[in-house]
Amino acid sequence: MNTITDSAVFERIRQDIADNSVVLYMKGTPIFPQCGFSAAVVQILTHLGVKFKGIDILQDPELRQGIKEFSSWPTIPQLYVKGEFVGGCDIVREMFETGELSEALSSRGIDVRA
C-alpha cells in the first residue's frame, strides 16, 4: 500500500469511529457474518442490546488491510467504542464473560441491557 491510500483508508476509519459510538469491523454483515469470530462478537453485542455499526471488510481489500495497520491488530473482527479500540473476538468474549464489557460500554454512555 502507498501512503496516499493509507491516509485515505485511515481517514475513512477515523470518520466511521467518530460518527458511530460502537463500530465492529467484521467479515460479513451483522445479519450474515462470514466467520465464526465475527458472528460471536455480533452475538455478544446483540445479547447486550448494543446498537452498533457493522462494517464488512470483505467488500474492500484496502480497508481489510488498512484496519489492521490502523489498530496494529492482526485479526478481524475489531471492536471500537467511542473511537477507542477495544479488541478482537477473544478479548471481547473474555470481557463479556467477566462483566467487564458491560461496564466498559456503560461507562462510555452506551446503553446496555442488564
PDB file of N, CA and C in Angstrom:
ATOM      1  N   MET A   1       0.842  -1.203   0.000  1.00  0.00           N
ATOM      2  CA  MET A   1       0.000   0.000   0.000  1.00  0.00           C
ATOM      3  C   MET A   1       0.873   1.248   0.000  1.00  0.00           C
ATOM      4  N   ASN A   2       0.399   2.250  -0.665  1.00  0.00           N
ATOM      5  CA  ASN A   2       1.146   3.506  -0.640  1.00  0.00           C
ATOM      6  C   ASN A   2       0.546   4.456   0.398  1.00  0.00           C
ATOM      7  N   THR A   3       1.262   5.493   0.714  1.00  0.00           N
ATOM      8  CA  THR A   3       0.820   6.389   1.790  1.00  0.00           C
ATOM      9  C   THR A   3      -0.445   7.164   1.437  1.00  0.00           C
ATOM     10  N   ILE A   4      -0.658   7.427   0.143  1.00  0.00           N
ATOM     11  CA  ILE A   4      -1.887   8.130  -0.247  1.00  0.00           C
ATOM     12  C   ILE A   4      -3.091   7.252   0.080  1.00  0.00           C
ATOM     13  N   THR A   5      -3.001   5.975  -0.286  1.00  0.00           N
ATOM     14  CA  THR A   5      -4.080   5.038   0.007  1.00  0.00           C
ATOM     15  C   THR A   5      -4.236   4.878   1.513  1.00  0.00           C
ATOM     16  N   ASP A   6      -3.110   4.704   2.201  1.00  0.00           N
ATOM     17  CA  ASP A   6      -3.152   4.564   3.657  1.00  0.00           C
ATOM     18  C   ASP A   6      -3.917   5.716   4.289  1.00  0.00           C
ATOM     19  N   SER A   7      -3.551   6.924   3.912  1.00  0.00           N
ATOM     20  CA  SER A   7      -4.175   8.070   4.559  1.00  0.00           C
ATOM     21  C   SER A   7      -5.662   8.147   4.232  1.00  0.00           C
ATOM     22  N   ALA A   8      -6.047   7.761   3.008  1.00  0.00           N
ATOM     23  CA  ALA A   8      -7.468   7.774   2.641  1.00  0.00           C
ATOM     24  C   ALA A   8      -8.237   6.725   3.446  1.00  0.00           C
ATOM     25  N   VAL A   9      -7.662   5.534   3.561  1.00  0.00           N
ATOM     26  CA  VAL A   9      -8.310   4.461   4.328  1.00  0.00           C
ATOM     27  C   VAL A   9      -8.355   4.845   5.807  1.00  0.00           C
ATOM     28  N   PHE A  10      -7.238   5.334   6.338  1.00  0.00           N
ATOM     29  CA  PHE A  10      -7.194   5.740   7.748  1.00  0.00           C
ATOM     30  C   PHE A  10      -8.216   6.843   8.019  1.00  0.00           C
ATOM     31  N   GLU A  11      -8.346   7.774   7.082  1.00  0.00           N
ATOM     32  CA  GLU A  11      -9.308   8.870   7.242  1.00  0.00           C
ATOM     33  C   GLU A  11     -10.730   8.319   7.300  1.00  0.00           C
ATOM     34  N   ARG A  12     -11.010   7.341   6.444  1.00  0.00           N
ATOM     35  CA  ARG A  12     -12.335   6.724   6.436  1.00  0.00           C
ATOM     36  C   ARG A  12     -12.605   6.002   7.765  1.00  0.00           C
ATOM     37  N   ILE A  13     -11.602   5.299   8.268  1.00  0.00           N
ATOM     38  CA  ILE A  13     -11.743   4.603   9.552  1.00  0.00           C
ATOM     39  C   ILE A  13     -11.985   5.621  10.662  1.00  0.00           C
ATOM     40  N   ARG A  14     -11.186   6.683  10.683  1.00  0.00           N
ATOM     41  CA  ARG A  14     -11.371   7.732  11.706  1.00  0.00           C
ATOM     42  C   ARG A  14     -12.788   8.302  11.656  1.00  0.00           C
ATOM     43  N   GLN A  15     -13.278   8.514  10.437  1.00  0.00           N
ATOM     44  CA  GLN A  15     -14.624   9.062  10.267  1.00  0.00           C
ATOM     45  C   GLN A  15     -15.677   8.087  10.795  1.00  0.00           C
ATOM     46  N   ASP A  16     -15.545   6.803  10.439  1.00  0.00           N
ATOM     47  CA  ASP A  16     -16.503   5.788  10.899  1.00  0.00           C
ATOM     48  C   ASP A  16     -16.533   5.703  12.422  1.00  0.00           C
ATOM     49  N   ILE A  17     -15.360   5.679  13.048  1.00  0.00           N
ATOM     50  CA  ILE A  17     -15.346   5.515  14.507  1.00  0.00           C
ATOM     51  C   ILE A  17     -15.694   6.820  15.225  1.00  0.00           C
ATOM     52  N   ALA A  18     -15.613   7.949  14.509  1.00  0.00           N
ATOM     53  CA  ALA A  18     -16.051   9.223  15.098  1.00  0.00           C
ATOM     54  C   ALA A  18     -17.568   9.375  14.983  1.00  0.00           C
ATOM     55  N   ASP A  19     -18.139   8.883  13.882  1.00  0.00           N
ATOM     56  CA  ASP A  19     -19.568   9.069  13.614  1.00  0.00           C
ATOM     57  C   ASP A  19     -20.469   8.060  14.330  1.00  0.00           C
ATOM     58  N   ASN A  20     -19.897   6.959  14.799  1.00  0.00           N
ATOM     59  CA  ASN A  20     -20.690   5.885  15.410  1.00  0.00           C
ATOM     60  C   ASN A  20     -20.102   5.528  16.771  1.00  0.00           C
ATOM     61  N   SER A  21     -20.955   5.447  17.778  1.00  0.00           N
ATOM     62  CA  SER A  21     -20.478   5.140  19.132  1.00  0.00           C
ATOM     63  C   SER A  21     -19.828   3.764  19.218  1.00  0.00           C
ATOM     64  N   VAL A  22     -20.423   2.786  18.529  1.00  0.00           N
ATOM     65  CA  VAL A  22     -19.890   1.425  18.555  1.00  0.00           C
ATOM     66  C   VAL A  22     -19.758   0.942  17.108  1.00  0.00           C
ATOM     67  N   VAL A  23     -18.538   0.557  16.735  1.00  0.00           N
ATOM     68  CA  VAL A  23     -18.269   0.093  15.368  1.00  0.00           C
ATOM     69  C   VAL A  23     -17.586  -1.267  15.448  1.00  0.00           C
ATOM     70  N   LEU A  24     -18.071  -2.196  14.625  1.00  0.00           N
ATOM     71  CA  LEU A  24     -17.448  -3.515  14.528  1.00  0.00           C
ATOM     72  C   LEU A  24     -16.977  -3.724  13.097  1.00  0.00           C
ATOM     73  N   TYR A  25     -15.658  -3.771  12.915  1.00  0.00           N
ATOM     74  CA  TYR A  25     -15.088  -4.146  11.630  1.00  0.00           C
ATOM     75  C   TYR A  25     -15.096  -5.666  11.609  1.00  0.00           C
ATOM     76  N   MET A  26     -15.777  -6.240  10.614  1.00  0.00           N
ATOM     77  CA  MET A  26     -16.038  -7.668  10.644  1.00  0.00           C
ATOM     78  C   MET A  26     -16.026  -8.261   9.246  1.00  0.00           C
ATOM     79  N   LYS A  27     -16.034  -9.582   9.195  1.00  0.00           N
ATOM     80  CA  LYS A  27     -16.182 -10.289   7.919  1.00  0.00           C
ATOM     81  C   LYS A  27     -17.662 -10.592   7.760  1.00  0.00           C
ATOM     82  N   GLY A  28     -18.263  -9.988   6.734  1.00  0.00           N
ATOM     83  CA  GLY A  28     -19.699 -10.138   6.532  1.00  0.00           C
ATOM     84  C   GLY A  28     -20.447  -8.984   7.167  1.00  0.00           C
ATOM     85  N   THR A  29     -21.734  -9.200   7.398  1.00  0.00           N
ATOM     86  CA  THR A  29     -22.591  -8.170   7.984  1.00  0.00           C
ATOM     87  C   THR A  29     -23.173  -8.698   9.291  1.00  0.00           C
ATOM     88  N   PRO A  30     -23.719  -7.806  10.136  1.00  0.00           N
ATOM     89  CA  PRO A  30     -24.334  -8.276  11.382  1.00  0.00           C
ATOM     90  C   PRO A  30     -25.447  -9.310  11.135  1.00  0.00           C
ATOM     91  N   ILE A  31     -26.170  -9.172  10.013  1.00  0.00           N
ATOM     92  CA  ILE A  31     -27.241 -10.110   9.690  1.00  0.00           C
ATOM     93  C   ILE A  31     -26.663 -11.433   9.178  1.00  0.00           C
ATOM     94  N   PHE A  32     -25.545 -11.345   8.452  1.00  0.00           N
ATOM     95  CA  PHE A  32     -24.964 -12.527   7.818  1.00  0.00           C
ATOM     96  C   PHE A  32     -23.440 -12.530   7.964  1.00  0.00           C
ATOM     97  N   PRO A  33     -22.950 -12.815   9.187  1.00  0.00           N
ATOM     98  CA  PRO A  33     -21.493 -12.840   9.403  1.00  0.00           C
ATOM     99  C   PRO A  33     -20.844 -13.930   8.558  1.00  0.00           C
ATOM    100  N   GLN A  34     -19.636 -13.667   8.066  1.00  0.00           N
ATOM    101  CA  GLN A  34     -18.924 -14.608   7.208  1.00  0.00           C
ATOM    102  C   GLN A  34     -17.830 -15.384   7.944  1.00  0.00           C
ATOM    103  N   CYS A  35     -17.729 -15.228   9.250  1.00  0.00           N
ATOM    104  CA  CYS A  35     -16.789 -16.049  10.012  1.00  0.00           C
ATOM    105  C   CYS A  35     -17.302 -16.193  11.439  1.00  0.00           C
ATOM    106  N   GLY A  36     -16.891 -17.262  12.080  1.00  0.00           N
ATOM    107  CA  GLY A  36     -17.369 -17.557  13.430  1.00  0.00           C
ATOM    108  C   GLY A  36     -16.983 -16.511  14.458  1.00  0.00           C
ATOM    109  N   PHE A  37     -15.804 -15.916  14.284  1.00  0.00           N
ATOM    110  CA  PHE A  37     -15.342 -14.915  15.249  1.00  0.00           C
ATOM    111  C   PHE A  37     -16.187 -13.644  15.153  1.00  0.00           C
ATOM    112  N   SER A  38     -16.465 -13.219  13.917  1.00  0.00           N
ATOM    113  CA  SER A  38     -17.331 -12.051  13.722  1.00  0.00           C
ATOM    114  C   SER A  38     -18.723 -12.349  14.274  1.00  0.00           C
ATOM    115  N   ALA A  39     -19.227 -13.554  13.992  1.00  0.00           N
ATOM    116  CA  ALA A  39     -20.557 -13.951  14.471  1.00  0.00           C
ATOM    117  C   ALA A  39     -20.621 -13.914  15.998  1.00  0.00           C
ATOM    118  N   ALA A  40     -19.556 -14.358  16.659  1.00  0.00           N
ATOM    119  CA  ALA A  40     -19.525 -14.388  18.122  1.00  0.00           C
ATOM    120  C   ALA A  40     -19.633 -12.976  18.707  1.00  0.00           C
ATOM    121  N   VAL A  41     -18.914 -12.017  18.126  1.00  0.00           N
ATOM    122  CA  VAL A  41     -18.953 -10.642  18.636  1.00  0.00           C
ATOM    123  C   VAL A  41     -20.319 -10.017  18.358  1.00  0.00           C
ATOM    124  N   VAL A  42     -20.884 -10.273  17.183  1.00  0.00           N
ATOM    125  CA  VAL A  42     -22.234  -9.787  16.867  1.00  0.00           C
ATOM    126  C   VAL A  42     -23.222 -10.336  17.896  1.00  0.00           C
ATOM    127  N   GLN A  43     -23.096 -11.611  18.212  1.00  0.00           N
ATOM    128  CA  GLN A  43     -23.991 -12.259  19.168  1.00  0.00           C
ATOM    129  C   GLN A  43     -23.878 -11.616  20.562  1.00  0.00           C
ATOM    130  N   ILE A  44     -22.668 -11.325  20.984  1.00  0.00           N
ATOM    131  CA  ILE A  44     -22.446 -10.693  22.294  1.00  0.00           C
ATOM    132  C   ILE A  44     -23.072  -9.298  22.326  1.00  0.00           C
ATOM    133  N   LEU A  45     -22.798  -8.495  21.290  1.00  0.00           N
ATOM    134  CA  LEU A  45     -23.347  -7.133  21.250  1.00  0.00           C
ATOM    135  C   LEU A  45     -24.878  -7.168  21.192  1.00  0.00           C
ATOM    136  N   THR A  46     -25.411  -8.104  20.417  1.00  0.00           N
ATOM    137  CA  THR A  46     -26.865  -8.244  20.298  1.00  0.00           C
ATOM    138  C   THR A  46     -27.467  -8.669  21.641  1.00  0.00           C
ATOM    139  N   HIS A  47     -26.816  -9.610  22.304  1.00  0.00           N
ATOM    140  CA  HIS A  47     -27.259 -10.075  23.618  1.00  0.00           C
ATOM    141  C   HIS A  47     -27.315  -8.916  24.618  1.00  0.00           C
ATOM    142  N   LEU A  48     -26.340  -8.016  24.527  1.00  0.00           N
ATOM    143  CA  LEU A  48     -26.284  -6.863  25.424  1.00  0.00           C
ATOM    144  C   LEU A  48     -27.225  -5.736  24.973  1.00  0.00           C
ATOM    145  N   GLY A  49     -27.850  -5.919  23.815  1.00  0.00           N
ATOM    146  CA  GLY A  49     -28.764  -4.893  23.303  1.00  0.00           C
ATOM    147  C   GLY A  49     -28.049  -3.647  22.819  1.00  0.00           C
ATOM    148  N   VAL A  50     -26.792  -3.792  22.420  1.00  0.00           N
ATOM    149  CA  VAL A  50     -25.983  -2.649  21.992  1.00  0.00           C
ATOM    150  C   VAL A  50     -26.197  -2.383  20.506  1.00  0.00           C
ATOM    151  N   LYS A  51     -26.542  -1.137  20.207  1.00  0.00           N
ATOM    152  CA  LYS A  51     -26.642  -0.744  18.804  1.00  0.00           C
ATOM    153  C   LYS A  51     -25.231  -0.479  18.290  1.00  0.00           C
ATOM    154  N   PHE A  52     -24.914  -1.038  17.123  1.00  0.00           N
ATOM    155  CA  PHE A  52     -23.573  -0.856  16.577  1.00  0.00           C
ATOM    156  C   PHE A  52     -23.623  -0.833  15.060  1.00  0.00           C
ATOM    157  N   LYS A  53     -22.576  -0.269  14.488  1.00  0.00           N
ATOM    158  CA  LYS A  53     -22.441  -0.255  13.034  1.00  0.00           C
ATOM    159  C   LYS A  53     -21.459  -1.355  12.658  1.00  0.00           C
ATOM    160  N   GLY A  54     -21.915  -2.297  11.838  1.00  0.00           N
ATOM    161  CA  GLY A  54     -21.049  -3.354  11.327  1.00  0.00           C
ATOM    162  C   GLY A  54     -20.478  -2.929   9.987  1.00  0.00           C
ATOM    163  N   ILE A  55     -19.179  -3.042   9.824  1.00  0.00           N
ATOM    164  CA  ILE A  55     -18.536  -2.686   8.558  1.00  0.00           C
ATOM    165  C   ILE A  55     -17.855  -3.931   7.998  1.00  0.00           C
ATOM    166  N   ASP A  56     -18.311  -4.342   6.814  1.00  0.00           N
ATOM    167  CA  ASP A  56     -17.828  -5.561   6.176  1.00  0.00           C
ATOM    168  C   ASP A  56     -16.510  -5.295   5.453  1.00  0.00           C
ATOM    169  N   ILE A  57     -15.425  -5.835   5.989  1.00  0.00           N
ATOM    170  CA  ILE A  57     -14.103  -5.602   5.395  1.00  0.00           C
ATOM    171  C   ILE A  57     -13.871  -6.482   4.159  1.00  0.00           C
ATOM    172  N   LEU A  58     -14.723  -7.475   3.958  1.00  0.00           N
ATOM    173  CA  LEU A  58     -14.562  -8.346   2.789  1.00  0.00           C
ATOM    174  C   LEU A  58     -14.902  -7.615   1.489  1.00  0.00           C
ATOM    175  N   GLN A  59     -15.680  -6.540   1.597  1.00  0.00           N
ATOM    176  CA  GLN A  59     -16.076  -5.772   0.423  1.00  0.00           C
ATOM    177  C   GLN A  59     -14.973  -4.839  -0.072  1.00  0.00           C
ATOM    178  N   ASP A  60     -13.926  -4.659   0.725  1.00  0.00           N
ATOM    179  CA  ASP A  60     -12.927  -3.652   0.404  1.00  0.00           C
ATOM    180  C   ASP A  60     -11.527  -4.106   0.845  1.00  0.00           C
ATOM    181  N   PRO A  61     -10.724  -4.619  -0.099  1.00  0.00           N
ATOM    182  CA  PRO A  61      -9.382  -5.112   0.251  1.00  0.00           C
ATOM    183  C   PRO A  61      -8.496  -4.045   0.914  1.00  0.00           C
ATOM    184  N   GLU A  62      -8.632  -2.781   0.499  1.00  0.00           N
ATOM    185  CA  GLU A  62      -7.827  -1.719   1.115  1.00  0.00           C
ATOM    186  C   GLU A  62      -8.202  -1.543   2.578  1.00  0.00           C
ATOM    187  N   LEU A  63      -9.499  -1.579   2.866  1.00  0.00           N
ATOM    188  CA  LEU A  63      -9.965  -1.455   4.248  1.00  0.00           C
ATOM    189  C   LEU A  63      -9.548  -2.684   5.049  1.00  0.00           C
ATOM    190  N   ARG A  64      -9.628  -3.843   4.420  1.00  0.00           N
ATOM    191  CA  ARG A  64      -9.273  -5.098   5.094  1.00  0.00           C
ATOM    192  C   ARG A  64      -7.842  -5.032   5.626  1.00  0.00           C
ATOM    193  N   GLN A  65      -6.927  -4.510   4.811  1.00  0.00           N
ATOM    194  CA  GLN A  65      -5.535  -4.360   5.242  1.00  0.00           C
ATOM    195  C   GLN A  65      -5.377  -3.113   6.116  1.00  0.00           C
ATOM    196  N   GLY A  66      -6.044  -2.040   5.725  1.00  0.00           N
ATOM    197  CA  GLY A  66      -5.894  -0.760   6.414  1.00  0.00           C
ATOM    198  C   GLY A  66      -6.297  -0.792   7.877  1.00  0.00           C
ATOM    199  N   ILE A  67      -7.382  -1.511   8.188  1.00  0.00           N
ATOM    200  CA  ILE A  67      -7.846  -1.548   9.585  1.00  0.00           C
ATOM    201  C   ILE A  67      -6.832  -2.273  10.465  1.00  0.00           C
ATOM    202  N   LYS A  68      -6.147  -3.273   9.910  1.00  0.00           N
ATOM    203  CA  LYS A  68      -5.124  -3.992  10.677  1.00  0.00           C
ATOM    204  C   LYS A  68      -3.946  -3.077  10.981  1.00  0.00           C
ATOM    205  N   GLU A  69      -3.578  -2.247  10.003  1.00  0.00           N
ATOM    206  CA  GLU A  69      -2.476  -1.305  10.206  1.00  0.00           C
ATOM    207  C   GLU A  69      -2.899  -0.174  11.139  1.00  0.00           C
ATOM    208  N   PHE A  70      -4.141   0.279  10.986  1.00  0.00           N
ATOM    209  CA  PHE A  70      -4.658   1.376  11.803  1.00  0.00           C
ATOM    210  C   PHE A  70      -4.599   1.032  13.290  1.00  0.00           C
ATOM    211  N   SER A  71      -5.004  -0.187  13.621  1.00  0.00           N
ATOM    212  CA  SER A  71      -5.093  -0.602  15.024  1.00  0.00           C
ATOM    213  C   SER A  71      -3.838  -1.325  15.507  1.00  0.00           C
ATOM    214  N   SER A  72      -2.939  -1.663  14.580  1.00  0.00           N
ATOM    215  CA  SER A  72      -1.795  -2.534  14.897  1.00  0.00           C
ATOM    216  C   SER A  72      -2.288  -3.849  15.493  1.00  0.00           C
ATOM    217  N   TRP A  73      -3.392  -4.333  14.980  1.00  0.00           N
ATOM    218  CA  TRP A  73      -4.011  -5.572  15.449  1.00  0.00           C
ATOM    219  C   TRP A  73      -4.194  -6.468  14.230  1.00  0.00           C
ATOM    220  N   PRO A  74      -3.694  -7.710  14.259  1.00  0.00           N
ATOM    221  CA  PRO A  74      -3.623  -8.508  13.033  1.00  0.00           C
ATOM    222  C   PRO A  74      -4.908  -9.211  12.595  1.00  0.00           C
ATOM    223  N   THR A  75      -5.917  -9.233  13.452  1.00  0.00           N
ATOM    224  CA  THR A  75      -7.086 -10.055  13.125  1.00  0.00           C
ATOM    225  C   THR A  75      -8.382  -9.245  13.058  1.00  0.00           C
ATOM    226  N   ILE A  76      -9.365  -9.860  12.430  1.00  0.00           N
ATOM    227  CA  ILE A  76     -10.720  -9.324  12.335  1.00  0.00           C
ATOM    228  C   ILE A  76     -11.599 -10.338  13.046  1.00  0.00           C
ATOM    229  N   PRO A  77     -12.603  -9.977  13.797  1.00  0.00           N
ATOM    230  CA  PRO A  77     -13.192  -8.648  13.941  1.00  0.00           C
ATOM    231  C   PRO A  77     -12.409  -7.722  14.872  1.00  0.00           C
ATOM    232  N   GLN A  78     -12.749  -6.431  14.757  1.00  0.00           N
ATOM    233  CA  GLN A  78     -12.196  -5.418  15.657  1.00  0.00           C
ATOM    234  C   GLN A  78     -13.344  -4.542  16.137  1.00  0.00           C
ATOM    235  N   LEU A  79     -13.420  -4.372  17.456  1.00  0.00           N
ATOM    236  CA  LEU A  79     -14.488  -3.577  18.056  1.00  0.00           C
ATOM    237  C   LEU A  79     -13.933  -2.238  18.544  1.00  0.00           C
ATOM    238  N   TYR A  80     -14.636  -1.175  18.158  1.00  0.00           N
ATOM    239  CA  TYR A  80     -14.304   0.183  18.608  1.00  0.00           C
ATOM    240  C   TYR A  80     -15.496   0.746  19.362  1.00  0.00           C
ATOM    241  N   VAL A  81     -15.218   1.379  20.506  1.00  0.00           N
ATOM    242  CA  VAL A  81     -16.259   2.028  21.297  1.00  0.00           C
ATOM    243  C   VAL A  81     -15.820   3.465  21.540  1.00  0.00           C
ATOM    244  N   LYS A  82     -16.654   4.392  21.115  1.00  0.00           N
ATOM    245  CA  LYS A  82     -16.367   5.828  21.261  1.00  0.00           C
ATOM    246  C   LYS A  82     -14.970   6.168  20.736  1.00  0.00           C
ATOM    247  N   GLY A  83     -14.641   5.602  19.574  1.00  0.00           N
ATOM    248  CA  GLY A  83     -13.371   5.910  18.933  1.00  0.00           C
ATOM    249  C   GLY A  83     -12.171   5.152  19.458  1.00  0.00           C
ATOM    250  N   GLU A  84     -12.384   4.304  20.456  1.00  0.00           N
ATOM    251  CA  GLU A  84     -11.275   3.595  21.092  1.00  0.00           C
ATOM    252  C   GLU A  84     -11.318   2.111  20.737  1.00  0.00           C
ATOM    253  N   PHE A  85     -10.180   1.560  20.343  1.00  0.00           N
ATOM    254  CA  PHE A  85     -10.101   0.141  20.014  1.00  0.00           C
ATOM    255  C   PHE A  85     -10.239  -0.687  21.284  1.00  0.00           C
ATOM    256  N   VAL A  86     -11.195  -1.615  21.289  1.00  0.00           N
ATOM    257  CA  VAL A  86     -11.417  -2.475  22.455  1.00  0.00           C
ATOM    258  C   VAL A  86     -10.675  -3.796  22.296  1.00  0.00           C
ATOM    259  N   GLY A  87     -10.820  -4.434  21.135  1.00  0.00           N
ATOM    260  CA  GLY A  87     -10.128  -5.693  20.909  1.00  0.00           C
ATOM    261  C   GLY A  87     -10.823  -6.537  19.866  1.00  0.00           C
ATOM    262  N   GLY A  88     -10.332  -7.765  19.740  1.00  0.00           N
ATOM    263  CA  GLY A  88     -10.904  -8.728  18.812  1.00  0.00           C
ATOM    264  C   GLY A  88     -11.821  -9.687  19.540  1.00  0.00           C
ATOM    265  N   CYS A  89     -12.134 -10.789  18.888  1.00  0.00           N
ATOM    266  CA  CYS A  89     -13.116 -11.737  19.408  1.00  0.00           C
ATOM    267  C   CYS A  89     -12.765 -12.274  20.794  1.00  0.00           C
ATOM    268  N   ASP A  90     -11.550 -12.764  20.980  1.00  0.00           N
ATOM    269  CA  ASP A  90     -11.175 -13.369  22.264  1.00  0.00           C
ATOM    270  C   ASP A  90     -11.266 -12.366  23.410  1.00  0.00           C
ATOM    271  N   ILE A  91     -10.777 -11.158  23.167  1.00  0.00           N
ATOM    272  CA  ILE A  91     -10.815 -10.121  24.208  1.00  0.00           C
ATOM    273  C   ILE A  91     -12.263  -9.740  24.520  1.00  0.00           C
ATOM    274  N   VAL A  92     -13.060  -9.538  23.474  1.00  0.00           N
ATOM    275  CA  VAL A  92     -14.471  -9.156  23.677  1.00  0.00           C
ATOM    276  C   VAL A  92     -15.216 -10.265  24.419  1.00  0.00           C
ATOM    277  N   ARG A  93     -14.969 -11.509  24.031  1.00  0.00           N
ATOM    278  CA  ARG A  93     -15.643 -12.644  24.694  1.00  0.00           C
ATOM    279  C   ARG A  93     -15.249 -12.716  26.167  1.00  0.00           C
ATOM    280  N   GLU A  94     -13.963 -12.562  26.433  1.00  0.00           N
ATOM    281  CA  GLU A  94     -13.472 -12.602  27.810  1.00  0.00           C
ATOM    282  C   GLU A  94     -14.065 -11.460  28.636  1.00  0.00           C
ATOM    283  N   MET A  95     -14.074 -10.255  28.050  1.00  0.00           N
ATOM    284  CA  MET A  95     -14.639  -9.094  28.749  1.00  0.00           C
ATOM    285  C   MET A  95     -16.135  -9.299  29.013  1.00  0.00           C
ATOM    286  N   PHE A  96     -16.828  -9.914  28.064  1.00  0.00           N
ATOM    287  CA  PHE A  96     -18.258 -10.186  28.224  1.00  0.00           C
ATOM    288  C   PHE A  96     -18.476 -11.155  29.384  1.00  0.00           C
ATOM    289  N   GLU A  97     -17.687 -12.229  29.417  1.00  0.00           N
ATOM    290  CA  GLU A  97     -17.855 -13.261  30.448  1.00  0.00           C
ATOM    291  C   GLU A  97     -17.577 -12.728  31.842  1.00  0.00           C
ATOM    292  N   THR A  98     -16.658 -11.776  31.983  1.00  0.00           N
ATOM    293  CA  THR A  98     -16.331 -11.240  33.306  1.00  0.00           C
ATOM    294  C   THR A  98     -17.215 -10.047  33.693  1.00  0.00           C
ATOM    295  N   GLY A  99     -18.027  -9.570  32.735  1.00  0.00           N
ATOM    296  CA  GLY A  99     -18.856  -8.394  33.002  1.00  0.00           C
ATOM    297  C   GLY A  99     -18.152  -7.090  32.690  1.00  0.00           C
ATOM    298  N   GLU A 100     -16.880  -7.186  32.326  1.00  0.00           N
ATOM    299  CA  GLU A 100     -16.078  -6.001  32.049  1.00  0.00           C
ATOM    300  C   GLU A 100     -16.581  -5.249  30.811  1.00  0.00           C
ATOM    301  N   LEU A 101     -17.104  -5.989  29.830  1.00  0.00           N
ATOM    302  CA  LEU A 101     -17.581  -5.353  28.600  1.00  0.00           C
ATOM    303  C   LEU A 101     -18.786  -4.459  28.886  1.00  0.00           C
ATOM    304  N   SER A 102     -19.735  -4.973  29.651  1.00  0.00           N
ATOM    305  CA  SER A 102     -20.912  -4.169  30.015  1.00  0.00           C
ATOM    306  C   SER A 102     -20.494  -2.900  30.746  1.00  0.00           C
ATOM    307  N   GLU A 103     -19.559  -3.043  31.681  1.00  0.00           N
ATOM    308  CA  GLU A 103     -19.066  -1.879  32.434  1.00  0.00           C
ATOM    309  C   GLU A 103     -18.382  -0.879  31.510  1.00  0.00           C
ATOM    310  N   ALA A 104     -17.538  -1.384  30.610  1.00  0.00           N
ATOM    311  CA  ALA A 104     -16.805  -0.507  29.688  1.00  0.00           C
ATOM    312  C   ALA A 104     -17.774   0.253  28.787  1.00  0.00           C
ATOM    313  N   LEU A 105     -18.800  -0.433  28.310  1.00  0.00           N
ATOM    314  CA  LEU A 105     -19.789   0.216  27.446  1.00  0.00           C
ATOM    315  C   LEU A 105     -20.599   1.242  28.235  1.00  0.00           C
ATOM    316  N   SER A 106     -21.100   0.832  29.392  1.00  0.00           N
ATOM    317  CA  SER A 106     -21.914   1.730  30.228  1.00  0.00           C
ATOM    318  C   SER A 106     -21.145   2.982  30.635  1.00  0.00           C
ATOM    319  N   SER A 107     -19.887   2.795  31.005  1.00  0.00           N
ATOM    320  CA  SER A 107     -19.084   3.930  31.465  1.00  0.00           C
ATOM    321  C   SER A 107     -18.830   4.929  30.336  1.00  0.00           C
ATOM    322  N   ARG A 108     -18.982   4.485  29.096  1.00  0.00           N
ATOM    323  CA  ARG A 108     -18.803   5.376  27.941  1.00  0.00           C
ATOM    324  C   ARG A 108     -20.153   5.869  27.416  1.00  0.00           C
ATOM    325  N   GLY A 109     -21.217   5.625  28.185  1.00  0.00           N
ATOM    326  CA  GLY A 109     -22.520   6.152  27.821  1.00  0.00           C
ATOM    327  C   GLY A 109     -23.279   5.318  26.803  1.00  0.00           C
ATOM    328  N   ILE A 110     -22.896   4.039  26.651  1.00  0.00           N
ATOM    329  CA  ILE A 110     -23.591   3.145  25.718  1.00  0.00           C
ATOM    330  C   ILE A 110     -24.631   2.367  26.514  1.00  0.00           C
ATOM    331  N   ASP A 111     -25.876   2.371  26.011  1.00  0.00           N
ATOM    332  CA  ASP A 111     -26.941   1.618  26.682  1.00  0.00           C
ATOM    333  C   ASP A 111     -26.687   0.117  26.563  1.00  0.00           C
ATOM    334  N   VAL A 112     -26.758  -0.561  27.701  1.00  0.00           N
ATOM    335  CA  VAL A 112     -26.539  -1.998  27.751  1.00  0.00           C
ATOM    336  C   VAL A 112     -27.717  -2.652  28.465  1.00  0.00           C
ATOM    337  N   ARG A 113     -28.211  -3.731  27.889  1.00  0.00           N
ATOM    338  CA  ARG A 113     -29.308  -4.475  28.518  1.00  0.00           C
ATOM    339  C   ARG A 113     -28.744  -5.233  29.715  1.00  0.00           C
ATOM    340  N   ALA A 114     -29.403  -5.118  30.843  1.00  0.00           N
ATOM    341  CA  ALA A 114     -28.916  -5.764  32.062  1.00  0.00           C
ATOM    342  C   ALA A 114     -29.128  -7.259  32.003  1.00  0.00           C
TER     343      ALA A 114
END
